[in-house]
Amino acid sequence: MADQTETESLQNISLTAFDAIRFVKDPEKDSTLEDLEVLQEDKVKVTKFASGKYLVDVEFVPTIPHCSLATLIVNKQINDKERVAAALENPNLLKLVESCISEED
């Protein structure tokens, strides 16, 4: 029973993470990451550590399957926190990011 409860808990966290990012819009297209199938529910995995913390792993699927730079692009964007922080100080970029993550009515 404990294993089933743990599995359900991990699935709920996975769905919550997916729901939190599924409506992020591609800034170059008028579509969400889910619409473009860049983000897929089955590509969100959750691992629980002994400390009670969780790792949420999101695998993005490139819109162009043969794109050799997809991994580099995602890793560079995620891992470059200083560049992201500096970019968000630019009001135009901040407005673009906010428009990509705002929910439609």
N, C-alpha and C. Protein backbone atom coordinates (compact mmCIF):
# COMPACT_ATOMS: atom_id res chain seq x y z
N MET A 1 0.82 -1.20 0.00
CA MET A 1 0.00 0.00 0.00
C MET A 1 0.87 1.26 0.00
N ALA A 2 1.97 1.22 0.74
CA ALA A 2 2.85 2.40 0.81
C ALA A 2 3.46 2.70 -0.56
N ASP A 3 3.83 1.65 -1.31
CA ASP A 3 4.40 1.85 -2.64
C ASP A 3 3.38 2.48 -3.59
N GLN A 4 2.13 2.04 -3.48
CA GLN A 4 1.07 2.58 -4.33
C GLN A 4 0.83 4.05 -4.00
N THR A 5 0.83 4.38 -2.72
CA THR A 5 0.64 5.76 -2.29
C THR A 5 1.80 6.64 -2.78
N GLU A 6 3.03 6.11 -2.69
CA GLU A 6 4.21 6.85 -3.15
C GLU A 6 4.14 7.07 -4.66
N THR A 7 3.75 6.05 -5.40
CA THR A 7 3.62 6.16 -6.86
C THR A 7 2.57 7.21 -7.22
N GLU A 8 1.44 7.18 -6.54
CA GLU A 8 0.38 8.17 -6.79
C GLU A 8 0.86 9.58 -6.47
N SER A 9 1.63 9.71 -5.39
CA SER A 9 2.16 11.01 -5.01
C SER A 9 3.11 11.55 -6.08
N LEU A 10 3.99 10.69 -6.60
CA LEU A 10 4.91 11.10 -7.66
C LEU A 10 4.16 11.48 -8.93
N GLN A 11 3.11 10.73 -9.24
CA GLN A 11 2.30 11.04 -10.42
C GLN A 11 1.60 12.39 -10.26
N ASN A 12 1.09 12.66 -9.06
CA ASN A 12 0.43 13.95 -8.80
C ASN A 12 1.40 15.12 -8.94
N ILE A 13 2.62 14.94 -8.44
CA ILE A 13 3.64 15.99 -8.55
C ILE A 13 3.99 16.21 -10.02
N SER A 14 4.12 15.10 -10.76
CA SER A 14 4.43 15.18 -12.19
C SER A 14 3.33 15.96 -12.94
N LEU A 15 2.07 15.65 -12.65
CA LEU A 15 0.96 16.35 -13.30
C LEU A 15 0.92 17.82 -12.91
N THR A 16 1.23 18.11 -11.66
CA THR A 16 1.25 19.50 -11.19
C THR A 16 2.34 20.29 -11.93
N ALA A 17 3.52 19.67 -12.08
CA ALA A 17 4.62 20.33 -12.80
C ALA A 17 4.23 20.55 -14.26
N PHE A 18 3.64 19.53 -14.87
CA PHE A 18 3.21 19.64 -16.26
C PHE A 18 2.19 20.77 -16.42
N ASP A 19 1.21 20.81 -15.52
CA ASP A 19 0.18 21.85 -15.57
C ASP A 19 0.77 23.25 -15.38
N ALA A 20 1.85 23.34 -14.60
CA ALA A 20 2.45 24.65 -14.33
C ALA A 20 3.16 25.23 -15.55
N ILE A 21 3.60 24.37 -16.47
CA ILE A 21 4.37 24.88 -17.60
C ILE A 21 3.74 24.60 -18.96
N ARG A 22 2.64 23.90 -19.00
CA ARG A 22 2.05 23.52 -20.28
C ARG A 22 1.55 24.69 -21.12
N PHE A 23 1.20 25.80 -20.48
CA PHE A 23 0.65 26.95 -21.21
C PHE A 23 1.70 28.02 -21.54
N VAL A 24 2.97 27.73 -21.27
CA VAL A 24 4.03 28.67 -21.65
C VAL A 24 4.01 28.76 -23.17
N LYS A 25 4.02 29.99 -23.68
CA LYS A 25 3.93 30.21 -25.12
C LYS A 25 5.31 30.31 -25.75
N ASP A 26 5.41 29.80 -26.95
CA ASP A 26 6.61 29.97 -27.74
C ASP A 26 6.62 31.42 -28.21
N PRO A 27 7.69 32.18 -27.94
CA PRO A 27 7.69 33.60 -28.32
C PRO A 27 7.69 33.82 -29.83
N GLU A 28 8.04 32.81 -30.60
CA GLU A 28 8.08 32.97 -32.05
C GLU A 28 6.81 32.48 -32.73
N LYS A 29 5.96 31.82 -31.98
CA LYS A 29 4.72 31.29 -32.55
C LYS A 29 3.57 31.63 -31.59
N ASP A 30 2.37 31.59 -32.07
CA ASP A 30 1.22 31.87 -31.20
C ASP A 30 0.67 30.55 -30.67
N SER A 31 1.55 29.74 -30.10
CA SER A 31 1.16 28.43 -29.60
C SER A 31 1.87 28.15 -28.28
N THR A 32 1.27 27.29 -27.48
CA THR A 32 1.90 26.89 -26.22
C THR A 32 2.88 25.76 -26.50
N LEU A 33 3.74 25.49 -25.51
CA LEU A 33 4.67 24.37 -25.64
C LEU A 33 3.93 23.05 -25.77
N GLU A 34 2.79 22.95 -25.11
CA GLU A 34 1.98 21.73 -25.24
C GLU A 34 1.40 21.62 -26.65
N ASP A 35 0.87 22.73 -27.19
CA ASP A 35 0.31 22.72 -28.55
C ASP A 35 1.36 22.29 -29.58
N LEU A 36 2.59 22.75 -29.38
CA LEU A 36 3.67 22.44 -30.31
C LEU A 36 4.27 21.04 -30.06
N GLU A 37 3.81 20.41 -29.00
CA GLU A 37 4.30 19.09 -28.56
C GLU A 37 5.77 19.12 -28.16
N VAL A 38 6.26 20.31 -27.79
CA VAL A 38 7.60 20.44 -27.23
C VAL A 38 7.58 19.89 -25.81
N LEU A 39 6.44 20.05 -25.16
CA LEU A 39 6.22 19.55 -23.80
C LEU A 39 5.13 18.50 -23.86
N GLN A 40 5.46 17.32 -23.34
CA GLN A 40 4.50 16.21 -23.34
C GLN A 40 4.41 15.65 -21.92
N GLU A 41 3.19 15.31 -21.52
CA GLU A 41 2.93 14.85 -20.15
C GLU A 41 3.81 13.66 -19.77
N ASP A 42 4.01 12.72 -20.67
CA ASP A 42 4.78 11.52 -20.34
C ASP A 42 6.29 11.78 -20.27
N LYS A 43 6.72 12.99 -20.61
CA LYS A 43 8.14 13.35 -20.55
C LYS A 43 8.51 14.08 -19.26
N VAL A 44 7.55 14.19 -18.33
CA VAL A 44 7.80 14.82 -17.03
C VAL A 44 7.92 13.70 -16.00
N LYS A 45 9.10 13.57 -15.40
CA LYS A 45 9.38 12.49 -14.43
C LYS A 45 9.76 13.11 -13.10
N VAL A 46 9.36 12.44 -12.01
CA VAL A 46 9.65 12.92 -10.67
C VAL A 46 10.38 11.84 -9.89
N THR A 47 11.44 12.23 -9.18
CA THR A 47 12.20 11.32 -8.33
C THR A 47 12.20 11.91 -6.93
N LYS A 48 11.94 11.05 -5.95
CA LYS A 48 11.98 11.50 -4.55
C LYS A 48 13.30 11.07 -3.94
N PHE A 49 13.94 11.99 -3.23
CA PHE A 49 15.18 11.69 -2.54
C PHE A 49 14.89 11.35 -1.09
N ALA A 50 15.83 10.71 -0.43
CA ALA A 50 15.67 10.30 0.96
C ALA A 50 15.42 11.50 1.88
N SER A 51 15.92 12.65 1.50
CA SER A 51 15.75 13.86 2.32
C SER A 51 14.33 14.42 2.25
N GLY A 52 13.48 13.79 1.42
CA GLY A 52 12.11 14.28 1.28
C GLY A 52 11.97 15.33 0.19
N LYS A 53 13.06 15.61 -0.51
CA LYS A 53 13.01 16.57 -1.62
C LYS A 53 12.77 15.80 -2.92
N TYR A 54 12.32 16.54 -3.93
CA TYR A 54 11.98 15.93 -5.21
C TYR A 54 12.77 16.57 -6.34
N LEU A 55 13.07 15.76 -7.35
CA LEU A 55 13.66 16.25 -8.58
C LEU A 55 12.62 16.07 -9.67
N VAL A 56 12.29 17.16 -10.36
CA VAL A 56 11.36 17.10 -11.48
C VAL A 56 12.19 17.24 -12.74
N ASP A 57 12.17 16.22 -13.57
CA ASP A 57 12.93 16.18 -14.81
C ASP A 57 11.96 16.35 -15.98
N VAL A 58 12.17 17.41 -16.75
CA VAL A 58 11.30 17.69 -17.89
C VAL A 58 12.13 17.52 -19.16
N GLU A 59 11.73 16.58 -19.99
CA GLU A 59 12.40 16.37 -21.27
C GLU A 59 11.62 17.09 -22.35
N PHE A 60 12.28 18.04 -23.01
CA PHE A 60 11.65 18.78 -24.08
C PHE A 60 11.88 18.06 -25.40
N VAL A 61 10.89 18.11 -26.27
CA VAL A 61 10.98 17.49 -27.59
C VAL A 61 11.11 18.61 -28.61
N PRO A 62 12.20 18.64 -29.36
CA PRO A 62 12.39 19.73 -30.33
C PRO A 62 11.28 19.73 -31.38
N THR A 63 10.92 20.91 -31.85
CA THR A 63 9.90 21.00 -32.90
C THR A 63 10.44 20.46 -34.22
N ILE A 64 11.75 20.49 -34.37
CA ILE A 64 12.40 19.91 -35.54
C ILE A 64 13.23 18.74 -35.04
N PRO A 65 12.80 17.50 -35.28
CA PRO A 65 13.46 16.32 -34.70
C PRO A 65 14.96 16.23 -34.97
N HIS A 66 15.42 16.71 -36.09
CA HIS A 66 16.84 16.59 -36.43
C HIS A 66 17.67 17.79 -35.95
N CYS A 67 17.10 18.62 -35.11
CA CYS A 67 17.82 19.81 -34.63
C CYS A 67 18.96 19.37 -33.72
N SER A 68 20.18 19.53 -34.18
CA SER A 68 21.34 19.08 -33.41
C SER A 68 21.67 20.02 -32.26
N LEU A 69 21.11 21.20 -32.26
CA LEU A 69 21.41 22.18 -31.20
C LEU A 69 20.38 22.20 -30.09
N ALA A 70 19.35 21.38 -30.17
CA ALA A 70 18.25 21.45 -29.20
C ALA A 70 18.74 21.30 -27.76
N THR A 71 19.56 20.30 -27.50
CA THR A 71 20.05 20.08 -26.14
C THR A 71 20.92 21.23 -25.68
N LEU A 72 21.78 21.70 -26.54
CA LEU A 72 22.65 22.83 -26.21
C LEU A 72 21.83 24.07 -25.88
N ILE A 73 20.82 24.34 -26.69
CA ILE A 73 19.97 25.52 -26.48
C ILE A 73 19.28 25.44 -25.13
N VAL A 74 18.64 24.31 -24.83
CA VAL A 74 17.91 24.16 -23.55
C VAL A 74 18.86 24.25 -22.38
N ASN A 75 19.97 23.52 -22.42
CA ASN A 75 20.92 23.53 -21.31
C ASN A 75 21.51 24.91 -21.09
N LYS A 76 21.85 25.59 -22.15
CA LYS A 76 22.44 26.93 -22.02
C LYS A 76 21.44 27.89 -21.41
N GLN A 77 20.19 27.82 -21.81
CA GLN A 77 19.18 28.72 -21.28
C GLN A 77 18.89 28.43 -19.82
N ILE A 78 18.82 27.17 -19.46
CA ILE A 78 18.48 26.81 -18.08
C ILE A 78 19.64 27.06 -17.13
N ASN A 79 20.86 26.77 -17.57
CA ASN A 79 22.01 26.84 -16.68
C ASN A 79 22.65 28.22 -16.56
N ASP A 80 22.29 29.15 -17.38
CA ASP A 80 22.91 30.46 -17.37
C ASP A 80 22.06 31.45 -16.59
N LYS A 81 22.03 31.29 -15.27
CA LYS A 81 21.16 32.09 -14.41
C LYS A 81 21.50 33.58 -14.45
N GLU A 82 22.78 33.89 -14.53
CA GLU A 82 23.17 35.30 -14.54
C GLU A 82 22.67 35.97 -15.81
N ARG A 83 22.77 35.28 -16.93
CA ARG A 83 22.30 35.85 -18.19
C ARG A 83 20.80 36.05 -18.17
N VAL A 84 20.09 35.10 -17.58
CA VAL A 84 18.63 35.21 -17.47
C VAL A 84 18.27 36.40 -16.59
N ALA A 85 18.94 36.52 -15.45
CA ALA A 85 18.65 37.63 -14.54
C ALA A 85 18.92 38.97 -15.23
N ALA A 86 20.02 39.07 -15.97
CA ALA A 86 20.33 40.31 -16.68
C ALA A 86 19.31 40.59 -17.78
N ALA A 87 18.90 39.55 -18.48
CA ALA A 87 17.93 39.72 -19.57
C ALA A 87 16.59 40.23 -19.02
N LEU A 88 16.21 39.75 -17.84
CA LEU A 88 14.92 40.16 -17.28
C LEU A 88 14.93 41.60 -16.77
N GLU A 89 16.11 42.21 -16.71
CA GLU A 89 16.18 43.63 -16.37
C GLU A 89 15.81 44.50 -17.57
N ASN A 90 15.82 43.91 -18.75
CA ASN A 90 15.43 44.61 -19.97
C ASN A 90 13.90 44.60 -20.05
N PRO A 91 13.26 45.76 -20.01
CA PRO A 91 11.79 45.81 -19.97
C PRO A 91 11.13 45.12 -21.17
N ASN A 92 11.75 45.21 -22.34
CA ASN A 92 11.16 44.57 -23.52
C ASN A 92 11.20 43.04 -23.41
N LEU A 93 12.33 42.51 -22.94
CA LEU A 93 12.43 41.06 -22.76
C LEU A 93 11.51 40.58 -21.64
N LEU A 94 11.42 41.36 -20.58
CA LEU A 94 10.53 41.00 -19.48
C LEU A 94 9.09 40.94 -19.96
N LYS A 95 8.69 41.90 -20.77
CA LYS A 95 7.33 41.91 -21.31
C LYS A 95 7.09 40.68 -22.19
N LEU A 96 8.08 40.30 -22.99
CA LEU A 96 7.97 39.12 -23.84
C LEU A 96 7.82 37.85 -23.00
N VAL A 97 8.63 37.72 -21.96
CA VAL A 97 8.55 36.55 -21.09
C VAL A 97 7.19 36.50 -20.40
N GLU A 98 6.75 37.63 -19.89
CA GLU A 98 5.44 37.67 -19.22
C GLU A 98 4.32 37.29 -20.17
N SER A 99 4.41 37.71 -21.43
CA SER A 99 3.36 37.35 -22.40
C SER A 99 3.39 35.86 -22.71
N CYS A 100 4.56 35.24 -22.60
CA CYS A 100 4.68 33.81 -22.88
C CYS A 100 4.13 32.95 -21.75
N ILE A 101 4.15 33.47 -20.54
CA ILE A 101 3.70 32.66 -19.41
C ILE A 101 2.33 33.07 -18.86
N SER A 102 1.77 34.13 -19.43
CA SER A 102 0.44 34.56 -18.94
C SER A 102 -0.63 33.59 -19.43
N GLU A 103 -1.59 33.35 -18.57
CA GLU A 103 -2.69 32.45 -18.93
C GLU A 103 -3.77 33.24 -19.64
N GLU A 104 -4.34 32.60 -20.66
CA GLU A 104 -5.44 33.23 -21.38
C GLU A 104 -6.73 33.04 -20.59
N ASP A 105 -7.66 33.96 -20.74
CA ASP A 105 -8.94 33.85 -20.04
C ASP A 105 -9.80 32.77 -20.63
